Amino acid sequence: MSRGKKLDIFIGADIEDSWAEIQAPRKSTISNEILEPSKHFLMFKKEKRRGKTVTLVGEFKLPKNDATATLKTLKKKLGCGGSYKDNWMEFQGELKDKLRALLIQEGFRFKHKH
């Protein structure tokens, strides 16, 4: 093999000098539809984040200021931390039973078996 020739090796991959950014779609779509609490059908999700349990409740179709006010009262009654992201309320800890009772008092409904 001489120094002036290039090897032409085809491995099956196309290697370019540019980077391609992969944009993953959102897990849920955010709708602008606003419903009253009795027309909601909420559900629970449980996730582990850094070894701790987080309880998610949603999907809420409320104006953001109403949802944050509801979140604030729930956090105060439960004595835990939480946040409101992508129309879901996140609470620190495993609080499914307590949350269900408080949200039913507020007038919200749940999907069957949630």
PDB file of N, CA and C in Angstrom:
ATOM      1  N   MET A   1       0.848  -1.156   0.000  1.00  0.00           N
ATOM      2  CA  MET A   1       0.000   0.000   0.000  1.00  0.00           C
ATOM      3  C   MET A   1       0.898   1.225   0.000  1.00  0.00           C
ATOM      4  N   SER A   2       0.666   2.040  -0.953  1.00  0.00           N
ATOM      5  CA  SER A   2       1.489   3.239  -1.041  1.00  0.00           C
ATOM      6  C   SER A   2       0.852   4.364  -0.265  1.00  0.00           C
ATOM      7  N   ARG A   3       1.630   5.327  -0.001  1.00  0.00           N
ATOM      8  CA  ARG A   3       1.200   6.419   0.847  1.00  0.00           C
ATOM      9  C   ARG A   3       0.217   7.368   0.171  1.00  0.00           C
ATOM     10  N   GLY A   4       0.183   7.460  -1.094  1.00  0.00           N
ATOM     11  CA  GLY A   4      -0.643   8.418  -1.811  1.00  0.00           C
ATOM     12  C   GLY A   4      -2.050   7.935  -2.089  1.00  0.00           C
ATOM     13  N   LYS A   5      -2.352   6.663  -1.892  1.00  0.00           N
ATOM     14  CA  LYS A   5      -3.684   6.155  -2.228  1.00  0.00           C
ATOM     15  C   LYS A   5      -4.553   6.088  -0.974  1.00  0.00           C
ATOM     16  N   LYS A   6      -5.848   6.337  -1.166  1.00  0.00           N
ATOM     17  CA  LYS A   6      -6.799   6.209  -0.066  1.00  0.00           C
ATOM     18  C   LYS A   6      -7.525   4.880  -0.187  1.00  0.00           C
ATOM     19  N   LEU A   7      -7.787   4.302   0.956  1.00  0.00           N
ATOM     20  CA  LEU A   7      -8.548   3.069   0.974  1.00  0.00           C
ATOM     21  C   LEU A   7     -10.032   3.389   0.877  1.00  0.00           C
ATOM     22  N   ASP A   8     -10.753   2.657   0.090  1.00  0.00           N
ATOM     23  CA  ASP A   8     -12.198   2.833  -0.017  1.00  0.00           C
ATOM     24  C   ASP A   8     -12.859   1.644   0.682  1.00  0.00           C
ATOM     25  N   ILE A   9     -13.269   1.882   1.918  1.00  0.00           N
ATOM     26  CA  ILE A   9     -13.893   0.828   2.704  1.00  0.00           C
ATOM     27  C   ILE A   9     -15.339   1.214   2.942  1.00  0.00           C
ATOM     28  N   PHE A  10     -16.235   0.313   2.602  1.00  0.00           N
ATOM     29  CA  PHE A  10     -17.651   0.556   2.828  1.00  0.00           C
ATOM     30  C   PHE A  10     -18.114  -0.373   3.941  1.00  0.00           C
ATOM     31  N   ILE A  11     -18.491   0.207   5.073  1.00  0.00           N
ATOM     32  CA  ILE A  11     -18.928  -0.568   6.233  1.00  0.00           C
ATOM     33  C   ILE A  11     -20.449  -0.664   6.270  1.00  0.00           C
ATOM     34  N   GLY A  12     -21.127   0.233   5.668  1.00  0.00           N
ATOM     35  CA  GLY A  12     -22.582   0.213   5.694  1.00  0.00           C
ATOM     36  C   GLY A  12     -23.162   1.430   6.384  1.00  0.00           C
ATOM     37  N   ALA A  13     -22.331   2.289   6.895  1.00  0.00           N
ATOM     38  CA  ALA A  13     -22.806   3.494   7.560  1.00  0.00           C
ATOM     39  C   ALA A  13     -22.363   4.702   6.777  1.00  0.00           C
ATOM     40  N   ASP A  14     -23.168   5.711   6.774  1.00  0.00           N
ATOM     41  CA  ASP A  14     -22.838   6.951   6.097  1.00  0.00           C
ATOM     42  C   ASP A  14     -22.272   7.913   7.132  1.00  0.00           C
ATOM     43  N   ILE A  15     -21.005   8.202   7.027  1.00  0.00           N
ATOM     44  CA  ILE A  15     -20.347   9.070   7.998  1.00  0.00           C
ATOM     45  C   ILE A  15     -20.171  10.447   7.367  1.00  0.00           C
ATOM     46  N   GLU A  16     -20.759  11.433   8.023  1.00  0.00           N
ATOM     47  CA  GLU A  16     -20.666  12.811   7.538  1.00  0.00           C
ATOM     48  C   GLU A  16     -19.973  13.671   8.581  1.00  0.00           C
ATOM     49  N   ASP A  17     -19.626  14.858   8.193  1.00  0.00           N
ATOM     50  CA  ASP A  17     -18.981  15.788   9.115  1.00  0.00           C
ATOM     51  C   ASP A  17     -19.994  16.553   9.960  1.00  0.00           C
ATOM     52  N   SER A  18     -21.262  16.509   9.633  1.00  0.00           N
ATOM     53  CA  SER A  18     -22.253  17.298  10.366  1.00  0.00           C
ATOM     54  C   SER A  18     -22.955  16.443  11.411  1.00  0.00           C
ATOM     55  N   TRP A  19     -23.490  17.124  12.418  1.00  0.00           N
ATOM     56  CA  TRP A  19     -24.234  16.467  13.492  1.00  0.00           C
ATOM     57  C   TRP A  19     -25.713  16.571  13.184  1.00  0.00           C
ATOM     58  N   ALA A  20     -26.441  15.556  13.552  1.00  0.00           N
ATOM     59  CA  ALA A  20     -27.889  15.579  13.389  1.00  0.00           C
ATOM     60  C   ALA A  20     -28.527  15.594  14.774  1.00  0.00           C
ATOM     61  N   GLU A  21     -29.416  16.556  14.991  1.00  0.00           N
ATOM     62  CA  GLU A  21     -30.090  16.654  16.272  1.00  0.00           C
ATOM     63  C   GLU A  21     -31.411  15.900  16.198  1.00  0.00           C
ATOM     64  N   ILE A  22     -31.585  14.951  17.104  1.00  0.00           N
ATOM     65  CA  ILE A  22     -32.814  14.169  17.137  1.00  0.00           C
ATOM     66  C   ILE A  22     -33.762  14.851  18.110  1.00  0.00           C
ATOM     67  N   GLN A  23     -34.916  15.210  17.619  1.00  0.00           N
ATOM     68  CA  GLN A  23     -35.898  15.867  18.469  1.00  0.00           C
ATOM     69  C   GLN A  23     -37.003  14.878  18.769  1.00  0.00           C
ATOM     70  N   ALA A  24     -37.086  14.507  20.039  1.00  0.00           N
ATOM     71  CA  ALA A  24     -38.122  13.565  20.462  1.00  0.00           C
ATOM     72  C   ALA A  24     -39.437  14.321  20.662  1.00  0.00           C
ATOM     73  N   PRO A  25     -40.527  13.736  20.237  1.00  0.00           N
ATOM     74  CA  PRO A  25     -41.816  14.407  20.457  1.00  0.00           C
ATOM     75  C   PRO A  25     -42.199  14.368  21.928  1.00  0.00           C
ATOM     76  N   ARG A  26     -43.070  15.277  22.327  1.00  0.00           N
ATOM     77  CA  ARG A  26     -43.549  15.329  23.712  1.00  0.00           C
ATOM     78  C   ARG A  26     -44.316  14.063  24.031  1.00  0.00           C
ATOM     79  N   LYS A  27     -44.281  13.687  25.298  1.00  0.00           N
ATOM     80  CA  LYS A  27     -45.031  12.517  25.730  1.00  0.00           C
ATOM     81  C   LYS A  27     -46.533  12.776  25.678  1.00  0.00           C
ATOM     82  N   SER A  28     -46.932  13.989  25.933  1.00  0.00           N
ATOM     83  CA  SER A  28     -48.350  14.325  25.894  1.00  0.00           C
ATOM     84  C   SER A  28     -48.522  15.649  25.176  1.00  0.00           C
ATOM     85  N   THR A  29     -49.664  15.800  24.583  1.00  0.00           N
ATOM     86  CA  THR A  29     -49.950  17.064  23.922  1.00  0.00           C
ATOM     87  C   THR A  29     -50.688  17.966  24.899  1.00  0.00           C
ATOM     88  N   ILE A  30     -50.378  19.232  24.837  1.00  0.00           N
ATOM     89  CA  ILE A  30     -51.009  20.200  25.726  1.00  0.00           C
ATOM     90  C   ILE A  30     -52.152  20.846  24.959  1.00  0.00           C
ATOM     91  N   SER A  31     -53.357  20.670  25.469  1.00  0.00           N
ATOM     92  CA  SER A  31     -54.519  21.243  24.799  1.00  0.00           C
ATOM     93  C   SER A  31     -54.963  22.497  25.544  1.00  0.00           C
ATOM     94  N   ASN A  32     -55.646  23.355  24.825  1.00  0.00           N
ATOM     95  CA  ASN A  32     -56.128  24.600  25.415  1.00  0.00           C
ATOM     96  C   ASN A  32     -57.568  24.471  25.909  1.00  0.00           C
ATOM     97  N   GLU A  33     -58.113  23.273  25.853  1.00  0.00           N
ATOM     98  CA  GLU A  33     -59.488  23.046  26.286  1.00  0.00           C
ATOM     99  C   GLU A  33     -59.578  23.143  27.804  1.00  0.00           C
ATOM    100  N   ILE A  34     -60.547  23.901  28.301  1.00  0.00           N
ATOM    101  CA  ILE A  34     -60.718  24.094  29.744  1.00  0.00           C
ATOM    102  C   ILE A  34     -62.020  23.418  30.159  1.00  0.00           C
ATOM    103  N   LEU A  35     -61.913  22.549  31.177  1.00  0.00           N
ATOM    104  CA  LEU A  35     -63.078  21.823  31.687  1.00  0.00           C
ATOM    105  C   LEU A  35     -63.308  22.160  33.148  1.00  0.00           C
ATOM    106  N   GLU A  36     -64.541  22.023  33.581  1.00  0.00           N
ATOM    107  CA  GLU A  36     -64.826  22.190  35.002  1.00  0.00           C
ATOM    108  C   GLU A  36     -64.404  20.905  35.730  1.00  0.00           C
ATOM    109  N   PRO A  37     -64.174  20.969  37.052  1.00  0.00           N
ATOM    110  CA  PRO A  37     -63.651  19.810  37.780  1.00  0.00           C
ATOM    111  C   PRO A  37     -64.489  18.538  37.648  1.00  0.00           C
ATOM    112  N   SER A  38     -65.809  18.638  37.552  1.00  0.00           N
ATOM    113  CA  SER A  38     -66.642  17.428  37.478  1.00  0.00           C
ATOM    114  C   SER A  38     -66.511  16.704  36.138  1.00  0.00           C
ATOM    115  N   LYS A  39     -65.946  17.350  35.119  1.00  0.00           N
ATOM    116  CA  LYS A  39     -65.786  16.721  33.802  1.00  0.00           C
ATOM    117  C   LYS A  39     -64.396  16.146  33.596  1.00  0.00           C
ATOM    118  N   HIS A  40     -63.531  16.258  34.575  1.00  0.00           N
ATOM    119  CA  HIS A  40     -62.191  15.682  34.483  1.00  0.00           C
ATOM    120  C   HIS A  40     -62.247  14.179  34.742  1.00  0.00           C
ATOM    121  N   PHE A  41     -61.387  13.439  34.089  1.00  0.00           N
ATOM    122  CA  PHE A  41     -61.174  12.031  34.373  1.00  0.00           C
ATOM    123  C   PHE A  41     -59.683  11.864  34.630  1.00  0.00           C
ATOM    124  N   LEU A  42     -59.301  11.973  35.898  1.00  0.00           N
ATOM    125  CA  LEU A  42     -57.894  11.961  36.277  1.00  0.00           C
ATOM    126  C   LEU A  42     -57.394  10.537  36.465  1.00  0.00           C
ATOM    127  N   MET A  43     -56.079  10.394  36.414  1.00  0.00           N
ATOM    128  CA  MET A  43     -55.448   9.112  36.688  1.00  0.00           C
ATOM    129  C   MET A  43     -54.134   9.333  37.417  1.00  0.00           C
ATOM    130  N   PHE A  44     -53.656   8.295  38.076  1.00  0.00           N
ATOM    131  CA  PHE A  44     -52.425   8.361  38.847  1.00  0.00           C
ATOM    132  C   PHE A  44     -51.297   7.658  38.108  1.00  0.00           C
ATOM    133  N   LYS A  45     -50.100   8.161  38.318  1.00  0.00           N
ATOM    134  CA  LYS A  45     -48.872   7.501  37.868  1.00  0.00           C
ATOM    135  C   LYS A  45     -47.890   7.567  39.022  1.00  0.00           C
ATOM    136  N   LYS A  46     -47.041   6.571  39.114  1.00  0.00           N
ATOM    137  CA  LYS A  46     -46.022   6.563  40.159  1.00  0.00           C
ATOM    138  C   LYS A  46     -44.671   6.400  39.487  1.00  0.00           C
ATOM    139  N   GLU A  47     -43.729   7.281  39.814  1.00  0.00           N
ATOM    140  CA  GLU A  47     -42.391   7.237  39.237  1.00  0.00           C
ATOM    141  C   GLU A  47     -41.360   7.258  40.342  1.00  0.00           C
ATOM    142  N   LYS A  48     -40.182   6.764  40.030  1.00  0.00           N
ATOM    143  CA  LYS A  48     -39.036   6.848  40.943  1.00  0.00           C
ATOM    144  C   LYS A  48     -38.074   7.873  40.360  1.00  0.00           C
ATOM    145  N   ARG A  49     -37.720   8.834  41.169  1.00  0.00           N
ATOM    146  CA  ARG A  49     -36.756   9.855  40.753  1.00  0.00           C
ATOM    147  C   ARG A  49     -35.681   9.958  41.810  1.00  0.00           C
ATOM    148  N   ARG A  50     -34.483   9.599  41.409  1.00  0.00           N
ATOM    149  CA  ARG A  50     -33.332   9.585  42.322  1.00  0.00           C
ATOM    150  C   ARG A  50     -33.617   8.746  43.568  1.00  0.00           C
ATOM    151  N   GLY A  51     -34.287   7.622  43.381  1.00  0.00           N
ATOM    152  CA  GLY A  51     -34.558   6.709  44.467  1.00  0.00           C
ATOM    153  C   GLY A  51     -35.756   7.068  45.327  1.00  0.00           C
ATOM    154  N   LYS A  52     -36.435   8.152  45.012  1.00  0.00           N
ATOM    155  CA  LYS A  52     -37.594   8.576  45.801  1.00  0.00           C
ATOM    156  C   LYS A  52     -38.856   8.461  44.948  1.00  0.00           C
ATOM    157  N   THR A  53     -39.975   8.226  45.598  1.00  0.00           N
ATOM    158  CA  THR A  53     -41.245   8.056  44.893  1.00  0.00           C
ATOM    159  C   THR A  53     -41.914   9.405  44.635  1.00  0.00           C
ATOM    160  N   VAL A  54     -42.438   9.556  43.433  1.00  0.00           N
ATOM    161  CA  VAL A  54     -43.183  10.754  43.044  1.00  0.00           C
ATOM    162  C   VAL A  54     -44.542  10.297  42.531  1.00  0.00           C
ATOM    163  N   THR A  55     -45.607  10.899  43.025  1.00  0.00           N
ATOM    164  CA  THR A  55     -46.961  10.587  42.586  1.00  0.00           C
ATOM    165  C   THR A  55     -47.420  11.668  41.616  1.00  0.00           C
ATOM    166  N   LEU A  56     -47.840  11.252  40.427  1.00  0.00           N
ATOM    167  CA  LEU A  56     -48.335  12.176  39.413  1.00  0.00           C
ATOM    168  C   LEU A  56     -49.843  12.008  39.285  1.00  0.00           C
ATOM    169  N   VAL A  57     -50.546  13.116  39.167  1.00  0.00           N
ATOM    170  CA  VAL A  57     -51.997  13.121  38.983  1.00  0.00           C
ATOM    171  C   VAL A  57     -52.302  13.989  37.776  1.00  0.00           C
ATOM    172  N   GLY A  58     -53.143  13.517  36.887  1.00  0.00           N
ATOM    173  CA  GLY A  58     -53.482  14.343  35.738  1.00  0.00           C
ATOM    174  C   GLY A  58     -54.379  13.578  34.787  1.00  0.00           C
ATOM    175  N   GLU A  59     -54.656  14.104  33.751  1.00  0.00           N
ATOM    176  CA  GLU A  59     -54.222  15.338  33.132  1.00  0.00           C
ATOM    177  C   GLU A  59     -55.288  16.396  33.405  1.00  0.00           C
ATOM    178  N   PHE A  60     -54.855  17.535  33.934  1.00  0.00           N
ATOM    179  CA  PHE A  60     -55.758  18.618  34.292  1.00  0.00           C
ATOM    180  C   PHE A  60     -55.985  19.518  33.094  1.00  0.00           C
ATOM    181  N   LYS A  61     -57.220  19.935  32.915  1.00  0.00           N
ATOM    182  CA  LYS A  61     -57.580  20.873  31.844  1.00  0.00           C
ATOM    183  C   LYS A  61     -58.182  22.107  32.492  1.00  0.00           C
ATOM    184  N   LEU A  62     -57.328  22.805  33.235  1.00  0.00           N
ATOM    185  CA  LEU A  62     -57.710  24.013  33.969  1.00  0.00           C
ATOM    186  C   LEU A  62     -56.815  25.159  33.521  1.00  0.00           C
ATOM    187  N   PRO A  63     -57.255  26.400  33.731  1.00  0.00           N
ATOM    188  CA  PRO A  63     -56.326  27.519  33.536  1.00  0.00           C
ATOM    189  C   PRO A  63     -55.155  27.383  34.505  1.00  0.00           C
ATOM    190  N   LYS A  64     -54.001  27.841  34.093  1.00  0.00           N
ATOM    191  CA  LYS A  64     -52.793  27.634  34.893  1.00  0.00           C
ATOM    192  C   LYS A  64     -52.906  28.224  36.293  1.00  0.00           C
ATOM    193  N   ASN A  65     -53.511  29.398  36.437  1.00  0.00           N
ATOM    194  CA  ASN A  65     -53.606  29.992  37.771  1.00  0.00           C
ATOM    195  C   ASN A  65     -54.550  29.200  38.679  1.00  0.00           C
ATOM    196  N   ASP A  66     -55.621  28.616  38.125  1.00  0.00           N
ATOM    197  CA  ASP A  66     -56.507  27.758  38.930  1.00  0.00           C
ATOM    198  C   ASP A  66     -55.799  26.471  39.337  1.00  0.00           C
ATOM    199  N   ALA A  67     -55.034  25.917  38.410  1.00  0.00           N
ATOM    200  CA  ALA A  67     -54.310  24.670  38.707  1.00  0.00           C
ATOM    201  C   ALA A  67     -53.246  24.895  39.779  1.00  0.00           C
ATOM    202  N   THR A  68     -52.529  26.005  39.716  1.00  0.00           N
ATOM    203  CA  THR A  68     -51.512  26.277  40.733  1.00  0.00           C
ATOM    204  C   THR A  68     -52.145  26.568  42.089  1.00  0.00           C
ATOM    205  N   ALA A  69     -53.324  27.199  42.087  1.00  0.00           N
ATOM    206  CA  ALA A  69     -54.028  27.436  43.360  1.00  0.00           C
ATOM    207  C   ALA A  69     -54.481  26.110  43.972  1.00  0.00           C
ATOM    208  N   THR A  70     -54.995  25.220  43.141  1.00  0.00           N
ATOM    209  CA  THR A  70     -55.403  23.893  43.621  1.00  0.00           C
ATOM    210  C   THR A  70     -54.194  23.133  44.144  1.00  0.00           C
ATOM    211  N   LEU A  71     -53.082  23.212  43.415  1.00  0.00           N
ATOM    212  CA  LEU A  71     -51.850  22.543  43.841  1.00  0.00           C
ATOM    213  C   LEU A  71     -51.384  23.067  45.189  1.00  0.00           C
ATOM    214  N   LYS A  72     -51.453  24.371  45.365  1.00  0.00           N
ATOM    215  CA  LYS A  72     -51.001  24.981  46.617  1.00  0.00           C
ATOM    216  C   LYS A  72     -51.832  24.489  47.798  1.00  0.00           C
ATOM    217  N   THR A  73     -53.162  24.420  47.634  1.00  0.00           N
ATOM    218  CA  THR A  73     -54.008  23.944  48.741  1.00  0.00           C
ATOM    219  C   THR A  73     -53.765  22.473  49.021  1.00  0.00           C
ATOM    220  N   LEU A  74     -53.568  21.680  47.979  1.00  0.00           N
ATOM    221  CA  LEU A  74     -53.307  20.250  48.184  1.00  0.00           C
ATOM    222  C   LEU A  74     -51.978  20.021  48.893  1.00  0.00           C
ATOM    223  N   LYS A  75     -50.957  20.768  48.496  1.00  0.00           N
ATOM    224  CA  LYS A  75     -49.641  20.619  49.145  1.00  0.00           C
ATOM    225  C   LYS A  75     -49.728  21.004  50.618  1.00  0.00           C
ATOM    226  N   LYS A  76     -50.506  22.040  50.914  1.00  0.00           N
ATOM    227  CA  LYS A  76     -50.650  22.478  52.302  1.00  0.00           C
ATOM    228  C   LYS A  76     -51.379  21.422  53.134  1.00  0.00           C
ATOM    229  N   LYS A  77     -52.436  20.830  52.571  1.00  0.00           N
ATOM    230  CA  LYS A  77     -53.193  19.811  53.299  1.00  0.00           C
ATOM    231  C   LYS A  77     -52.393  18.524  53.481  1.00  0.00           C
ATOM    232  N   LEU A  78     -51.566  18.178  52.491  1.00  0.00           N
ATOM    233  CA  LEU A  78     -50.788  16.942  52.556  1.00  0.00           C
ATOM    234  C   LEU A  78     -49.458  17.113  53.290  1.00  0.00           C
ATOM    235  N   GLY A  79     -48.969  18.329  53.353  1.00  0.00           N
ATOM    236  CA  GLY A  79     -47.685  18.575  54.001  1.00  0.00           C
ATOM    237  C   GLY A  79     -46.521  18.032  53.195  1.00  0.00           C
ATOM    238  N   CYS A  80     -46.565  18.224  51.883  1.00  0.00           N
ATOM    239  CA  CYS A  80     -45.486  17.727  51.024  1.00  0.00           C
ATOM    240  C   CYS A  80     -45.178  18.766  49.952  1.00  0.00           C
ATOM    241  N   GLY A  81     -44.146  18.508  49.194  1.00  0.00           N
ATOM    242  CA  GLY A  81     -43.775  19.387  48.092  1.00  0.00           C
ATOM    243  C   GLY A  81     -44.365  18.878  46.796  1.00  0.00           C
ATOM    244  N   GLY A  82     -44.352  19.735  45.789  1.00  0.00           N
ATOM    245  CA  GLY A  82     -44.871  19.321  44.498  1.00  0.00           C
ATOM    246  C   GLY A  82     -44.746  20.422  43.474  1.00  0.00           C
ATOM    247  N   SER A  83     -45.125  20.088  42.242  1.00  0.00           N
ATOM    248  CA  SER A  83     -45.069  21.074  41.160  1.00  0.00           C
ATOM    249  C   SER A  83     -46.137  20.753  40.121  1.00  0.00           C
ATOM    250  N   TYR A  84     -46.309  21.678  39.163  1.00  0.00           N
ATOM    251  CA  TYR A  84     -47.289  21.544  38.091  1.00  0.00           C
ATOM    252  C   TYR A  84     -46.548  21.663  36.767  1.00  0.00           C
ATOM    253  N   LYS A  85     -46.482  20.542  36.010  1.00  0.00           N
ATOM    254  CA  LYS A  85     -45.766  20.529  34.729  1.00  0.00           C
ATOM    255  C   LYS A  85     -46.594  19.793  33.685  1.00  0.00           C
ATOM    256  N   ASP A  86     -46.704  20.360  32.505  1.00  0.00           N
ATOM    257  CA  ASP A  86     -47.397  19.744  31.368  1.00  0.00           C
ATOM    258  C   ASP A  86     -48.785  19.222  31.739  1.00  0.00           C
ATOM    259  N   ASN A  87     -49.541  20.011  32.481  1.00  0.00           N
ATOM    260  CA  ASN A  87     -50.908  19.685  32.915  1.00  0.00           C
ATOM    261  C   ASN A  87     -50.973  18.504  33.878  1.00  0.00           C
ATOM    262  N   TRP A  88     -49.887  18.138  34.502  1.00  0.00           N
ATOM    263  CA  TRP A  88     -49.835  17.086  35.519  1.00  0.00           C
ATOM    264  C   TRP A  88     -49.330  17.692  36.817  1.00  0.00           C
ATOM    265  N   MET A  89     -49.900  17.268  37.932  1.00  0.00           N
ATOM    266  CA  MET A  89     -49.423  17.681  39.248  1.00  0.00           C
ATOM    267  C   MET A  89     -48.520  16.584  39.789  1.00  0.00           C
ATOM    268  N   GLU A  90     -47.363  16.989  40.275  1.00  0.00           N
ATOM    269  CA  GLU A  90     -46.397  16.043  40.825  1.00  0.00           C
ATOM    270  C   GLU A  90     -46.275  16.286  42.324  1.00  0.00           C
ATOM    271  N   PHE A  91     -46.370  15.223  43.098  1.00  0.00           N
ATOM    272  CA  PHE A  91     -46.258  15.308  44.549  1.00  0.00           C
ATOM    273  C   PHE A  91     -45.139  14.402  45.032  1.00  0.00           C
ATOM    274  N   GLN A  92     -44.385  14.872  46.007  1.00  0.00           N
ATOM    275  CA  GLN A  92     -43.292  14.091  46.570  1.00  0.00           C
ATOM    276  C   GLN A  92     -43.857  13.065  47.547  1.00  0.00           C
ATOM    277  N   GLY A  93     -43.587  11.804  47.268  1.00  0.00           N
ATOM    278  CA  GLY A  93     -44.055  10.733  48.137  1.00  0.00           C
ATOM    279  C   GLY A  93     -45.162   9.921  47.494  1.00  0.00           C
ATOM    280  N   GLU A  94     -45.522   8.841  48.166  1.00  0.00           N
ATOM    281  CA  GLU A  94     -46.588   7.964  47.682  1.00  0.00           C
ATOM    282  C   GLU A  94     -47.883   8.358  48.386  1.00  0.00           C
ATOM    283  N   LEU A  95     -48.701   9.165  47.720  1.00  0.00           N
ATOM    284  CA  LEU A  95     -49.869   9.797  48.347  1.00  0.00           C
ATOM    285  C   LEU A  95     -51.168   9.517  47.601  1.00  0.00           C
ATOM    286  N   LYS A  96     -51.252   8.408  46.909  1.00  0.00           N
ATOM    287  CA  LYS A  96     -52.404   8.135  46.052  1.00  0.00           C
ATOM    288  C   LYS A  96     -53.728   8.161  46.818  1.00  0.00           C
ATOM    289  N   ASP A  97     -53.811   7.470  47.944  1.00  0.00           N
ATOM    290  CA  ASP A  97     -55.078   7.379  48.679  1.00  0.00           C
ATOM    291  C   ASP A  97     -55.509   8.727  49.251  1.00  0.00           C
ATOM    292  N   LYS A  98     -54.564   9.458  49.822  1.00  0.00           N
ATOM    293  CA  LYS A  98     -54.890  10.774  50.398  1.00  0.00           C
ATOM    294  C   LYS A  98     -55.283  11.766  49.308  1.00  0.00           C
ATOM    295  N   LEU A  99     -54.563  11.724  48.182  1.00  0.00           N
ATOM    296  CA  LEU A  99     -54.868  12.636  47.075  1.00  0.00           C
ATOM    297  C   LEU A  99     -56.250  12.356  46.495  1.00  0.00           C
ATOM    298  N   ARG A 100     -56.578  11.080  46.349  1.00  0.00           N
ATOM    299  CA  ARG A 100     -57.886  10.725  45.798  1.00  0.00           C
ATOM    300  C   ARG A 100     -59.004  11.337  46.641  1.00  0.00           C
ATOM    301  N   ALA A 101     -58.912  11.201  47.960  1.00  0.00           N
ATOM    302  CA  ALA A 101     -59.953  11.732  48.846  1.00  0.00           C
ATOM    303  C   ALA A 101     -60.051  13.255  48.740  1.00  0.00           C
ATOM    304  N   LEU A 102     -58.910  13.937  48.717  1.00  0.00           N
ATOM    305  CA  LEU A 102     -58.927  15.403  48.644  1.00  0.00           C
ATOM    306  C   LEU A 102     -59.452  15.903  47.301  1.00  0.00           C
ATOM    307  N   LEU A 103     -59.076  15.234  46.210  1.00  0.00           N
ATOM    308  CA  LEU A 103     -59.535  15.676  44.895  1.00  0.00           C
ATOM    309  C   LEU A 103     -61.020  15.386  44.688  1.00  0.00           C
ATOM    310  N   ILE A 104     -61.523  14.313  45.275  1.00  0.00           N
ATOM    311  CA  ILE A 104     -62.965  14.044  45.191  1.00  0.00           C
ATOM    312  C   ILE A 104     -63.737  15.123  45.944  1.00  0.00           C
ATOM    313  N   GLN A 105     -63.203  15.595  47.076  1.00  0.00           N
ATOM    314  CA  GLN A 105     -63.833  16.703  47.810  1.00  0.00           C
ATOM    315  C   GLN A 105     -63.876  17.973  46.960  1.00  0.00           C
ATOM    316  N   GLU A 106     -62.844  18.175  46.127  1.00  0.00           N
ATOM    317  CA  GLU A 106     -62.797  19.355  45.254  1.00  0.00           C
ATOM    318  C   GLU A 106     -63.740  19.218  44.060  1.00  0.00           C
ATOM    319  N   GLY A 107     -64.252  18.001  43.803  1.00  0.00           N
ATOM    320  CA  GLY A 107     -65.194  17.799  42.706  1.00  0.00           C
ATOM    321  C   GLY A 107     -64.614  17.095  41.498  1.00  0.00           C
ATOM    322  N   PHE A 108     -63.392  16.595  41.559  1.00  0.00           N
ATOM    323  CA  PHE A 108     -62.772  15.912  40.429  1.00  0.00           C
ATOM    324  C   PHE A 108     -63.196  14.450  40.403  1.00  0.00           C
ATOM    325  N   ARG A 109     -63.131  13.839  39.217  1.00  0.00           N
ATOM    326  CA  ARG A 109     -63.461  12.420  39.044  1.00  0.00           C
ATOM    327  C   ARG A 109     -62.241  11.686  38.530  1.00  0.00           C
ATOM    328  N   PHE A 110     -62.255  10.369  38.682  1.00  0.00           N
ATOM    329  CA  PHE A 110     -61.121   9.539  38.271  1.00  0.00           C
ATOM    330  C   PHE A 110     -61.567   8.480  37.280  1.00  0.00           C
ATOM    331  N   LYS A 111     -60.617   8.046  36.453  1.00  0.00           N
ATOM    332  CA  LYS A 111     -60.889   6.944  35.547  1.00  0.00           C
ATOM    333  C   LYS A 111     -61.107   5.681  36.347  1.00  0.00           C
ATOM    334  N   HIS A 112     -61.778   4.730  35.779  1.00  0.00           N
ATOM    335  CA  HIS A 112     -62.066   3.465  36.454  1.00  0.00           C
ATOM    336  C   HIS A 112     -60.762   2.738  36.781  1.00  0.00           C
ATOM    337  N   LYS A 113     -60.647   2.235  37.979  1.00  0.00           N
ATOM    338  CA  LYS A 113     -59.480   1.486  38.511  1.00  0.00           C
ATOM    339  C   LYS A 113     -58.247   2.357  38.651  1.00  0.00           C
ATOM    340  N   HIS A 114     -58.417   3.655  38.846  1.00  0.00           N
ATOM    341  CA  HIS A 114     -57.253   4.518  39.114  1.00  0.00           C
ATOM    342  C   HIS A 114     -57.441   5.208  40.433  1.00  0.00           C
TER     343      HIS A 114
END
